[in-house]
N, C-alpha and C. Protein backbone atom coordinates (compact mmCIF):
# COMPACT_ATOMS: atom_id res chain seq x y z
N MET A 1 129.14 132.33 122.75
CA MET A 1 127.46 131.92 122.28
C MET A 1 126.63 132.09 122.46
N GLU A 2 126.90 132.94 124.01
CA GLU A 2 125.24 133.64 123.85
C GLU A 2 125.02 134.51 123.21
N GLY A 3 125.79 135.06 122.52
CA GLY A 3 125.98 136.53 121.29
C GLY A 3 125.05 135.54 120.37
N ARG A 4 125.64 134.66 119.84
CA ARG A 4 125.13 133.93 118.80
C ARG A 4 123.21 133.25 119.09
N LEU A 5 123.32 132.88 120.40
CA LEU A 5 121.93 132.54 120.52
C LEU A 5 120.96 133.35 121.25
N THR A 6 121.54 134.93 121.52
CA THR A 6 120.31 135.60 121.21
C THR A 6 120.27 136.23 119.51
N THR A 7 121.29 136.13 119.09
CA THR A 7 121.17 136.94 117.47
C THR A 7 119.88 135.80 117.15
N ARG A 8 120.22 134.49 116.99
CA ARG A 8 119.76 133.43 116.79
C ARG A 8 117.64 133.67 116.91
N ILE A 9 117.58 133.98 118.56
CA ILE A 9 116.43 134.16 119.34
C ILE A 9 115.74 135.39 118.64
N ASP A 10 116.33 136.59 118.25
CA ASP A 10 115.85 137.64 118.00
C ASP A 10 115.43 137.26 116.29
N SER A 11 116.11 136.65 115.84
CA SER A 11 115.55 136.07 114.18
C SER A 11 114.74 135.33 114.47
N LEU A 12 114.24 134.54 115.34
CA LEU A 12 112.98 133.76 115.01
C LEU A 12 111.72 134.50 115.72
N ARG A 13 112.36 135.60 116.63
CA ARG A 13 111.40 136.53 116.96
C ARG A 13 110.92 137.50 115.69
N THR A 14 111.47 137.94 115.03
CA THR A 14 111.37 138.47 113.65
C THR A 14 110.23 137.81 112.56
N GLU A 15 110.80 136.74 112.39
CA GLU A 15 110.04 135.73 111.90
C GLU A 15 108.78 135.53 112.14
N THR A 16 108.95 134.94 113.54
CA THR A 16 107.39 134.47 113.84
C THR A 16 106.43 136.11 114.40
N VAL A 17 107.37 137.40 113.95
CA VAL A 17 106.23 138.55 113.92
C VAL A 17 105.73 138.85 112.48
N SER A 18 106.45 138.18 111.82
CA SER A 18 106.23 138.52 110.29
C SER A 18 105.43 137.54 109.86
N LEU A 19 105.42 136.08 110.30
CA LEU A 19 104.28 135.24 110.23
C LEU A 19 103.18 135.80 110.32
N LYS A 20 102.99 135.75 111.64
CA LYS A 20 101.81 136.89 112.06
C LYS A 20 101.40 137.33 111.66
N GLY A 21 101.98 138.85 110.80
CA GLY A 21 101.67 139.55 110.18
C GLY A 21 100.58 138.89 108.52
N ASP A 22 101.70 138.13 108.12
CA ASP A 22 101.20 137.49 107.08
C ASP A 22 99.55 136.72 107.14
N ARG A 23 99.32 136.11 108.63
CA ARG A 23 97.97 135.58 108.74
C ARG A 23 96.92 136.37 108.80
N LEU A 24 97.55 137.59 109.80
CA LEU A 24 96.36 138.96 109.64
C LEU A 24 95.59 139.24 108.39
N ALA A 25 96.68 139.23 107.61
CA ALA A 25 96.92 139.82 106.48
C ALA A 25 95.92 139.07 105.57
N GLU A 26 96.02 137.62 105.62
CA GLU A 26 95.03 136.68 104.75
C GLU A 26 94.21 136.63 105.25
N ILE A 27 93.90 136.41 106.82
CA ILE A 27 92.68 136.65 107.11
C ILE A 27 91.16 137.49 107.02
N ARG A 28 92.39 139.10 107.00
CA ARG A 28 91.22 139.77 106.40
C ARG A 28 90.95 139.96 105.16
N ARG A 29 91.69 139.59 104.05
CA ARG A 29 91.64 139.38 102.84
C ARG A 29 90.44 138.50 102.65
N LEU A 30 90.58 137.30 103.26
CA LEU A 30 89.15 136.32 103.39
C LEU A 30 88.09 136.49 103.93
N ASP A 31 88.38 137.77 104.68
CA ASP A 31 87.18 138.16 105.47
C ASP A 31 86.18 138.65 104.68
N THR A 32 87.12 139.89 103.54
CA THR A 32 86.78 140.97 103.28
C THR A 32 86.13 139.93 102.06
N ARG A 33 86.23 139.06 101.39
CA ARG A 33 85.60 137.76 100.50
C ARG A 33 84.71 137.56 100.67
N ILE A 34 84.67 136.78 101.90
CA ILE A 34 83.46 136.30 102.62
C ILE A 34 82.18 137.45 102.49
N ASP A 35 82.44 138.24 103.12
CA ASP A 35 81.17 139.53 102.96
C ASP A 35 81.05 139.76 101.81
N GLY A 36 81.90 139.71 100.65
CA GLY A 36 81.60 139.71 99.48
C GLY A 36 80.30 138.75 98.31
N VAL A 37 80.69 137.45 99.05
CA VAL A 37 80.10 136.58 99.15
C VAL A 37 78.56 136.37 99.40
N ASP A 38 78.61 137.18 101.11
CA ASP A 38 77.43 137.23 101.25
C ASP A 38 76.62 137.79 100.84
N ARG A 39 76.98 139.58 100.19
CA ARG A 39 76.26 140.32 99.25
C ARG A 39 75.65 139.54 98.23
N GLU A 40 76.36 138.99 98.16
CA GLU A 40 75.96 138.65 96.31
C GLU A 40 74.92 137.47 96.75
N LEU A 41 74.86 136.65 97.85
CA LEU A 41 73.73 135.61 98.11
C LEU A 41 72.47 136.30 98.80
N ARG A 42 73.36 137.70 99.53
CA ARG A 42 71.63 137.88 99.86
C ARG A 42 70.79 138.72 98.72
N THR A 43 71.52 138.90 97.31
CA THR A 43 71.27 139.74 96.47
C THR A 43 70.79 138.36 95.45
N ALA A 44 71.16 137.43 95.64
CA ALA A 44 70.50 136.36 94.77
C ALA A 44 68.85 135.80 95.58
N ILE A 45 68.76 135.47 96.77
CA ILE A 45 67.80 135.52 97.51
C ILE A 45 66.78 136.22 97.44
N ASP A 46 67.03 137.86 97.21
CA ASP A 46 66.16 138.79 96.88
C ASP A 46 65.58 139.04 95.73
N ILE A 47 66.15 138.42 94.98
CA ILE A 47 65.85 138.32 93.62
C ILE A 47 64.87 137.19 93.21
N ARG A 48 65.05 135.98 93.89
CA ARG A 48 64.62 135.00 94.04
C ARG A 48 63.12 135.50 94.70
N GLU A 49 63.24 135.85 95.35
CA GLU A 49 61.86 135.90 96.41
C GLU A 49 60.75 137.09 95.53
N ARG A 50 61.67 137.85 94.95
CA ARG A 50 60.69 138.79 94.14
C ARG A 50 60.18 138.39 93.03
N LEU A 51 61.23 137.90 92.37
CA LEU A 51 60.20 136.68 91.21
C LEU A 51 59.62 135.87 91.94
N ALA A 52 59.46 135.31 92.72
CA ALA A 52 58.12 134.35 93.00
C ALA A 52 57.21 134.91 93.51
N ALA A 53 57.81 136.41 94.00
CA ALA A 53 55.99 137.08 93.61
C ALA A 53 55.56 137.74 92.72
N LEU A 54 56.22 137.60 91.72
CA LEU A 54 55.89 138.41 90.85
C LEU A 54 54.91 137.19 90.00
N GLU A 55 55.77 135.66 89.84
CA GLU A 55 54.82 134.82 89.35
C GLU A 55 53.89 134.41 90.02
N ALA A 56 53.48 134.76 91.59
CA ALA A 56 52.59 134.21 91.87
C ALA A 56 51.74 135.30 91.96
N ARG A 57 51.79 136.69 91.44
CA ARG A 57 50.94 137.37 91.03
C ARG A 57 50.59 137.53 89.78
N ARG A 58 50.62 136.70 89.03
CA ARG A 58 50.39 136.46 87.27
C ARG A 58 50.16 135.36 87.53
N GLY A 59 49.99 134.42 88.19
CA GLY A 59 48.71 133.62 88.64
C GLY A 59 49.46 131.92 87.51
N PRO A 60 48.29 130.91 87.05
CA PRO A 60 48.81 129.98 86.34
C PRO A 60 49.11 130.02 85.10
């Protein structure tokens, strides 16, 4: 009985570690994606500001 319990505990520990690794990988993937979106947003804001400056110089 004790041997089966130890085996089951070890199995659950292995599964928990595996799930933790999966979650960490997913967090890293999402973090990279968020960084990419952040860069795109900054680029869009920069373009909008430059366009507004050009339009202001051009006048009505």
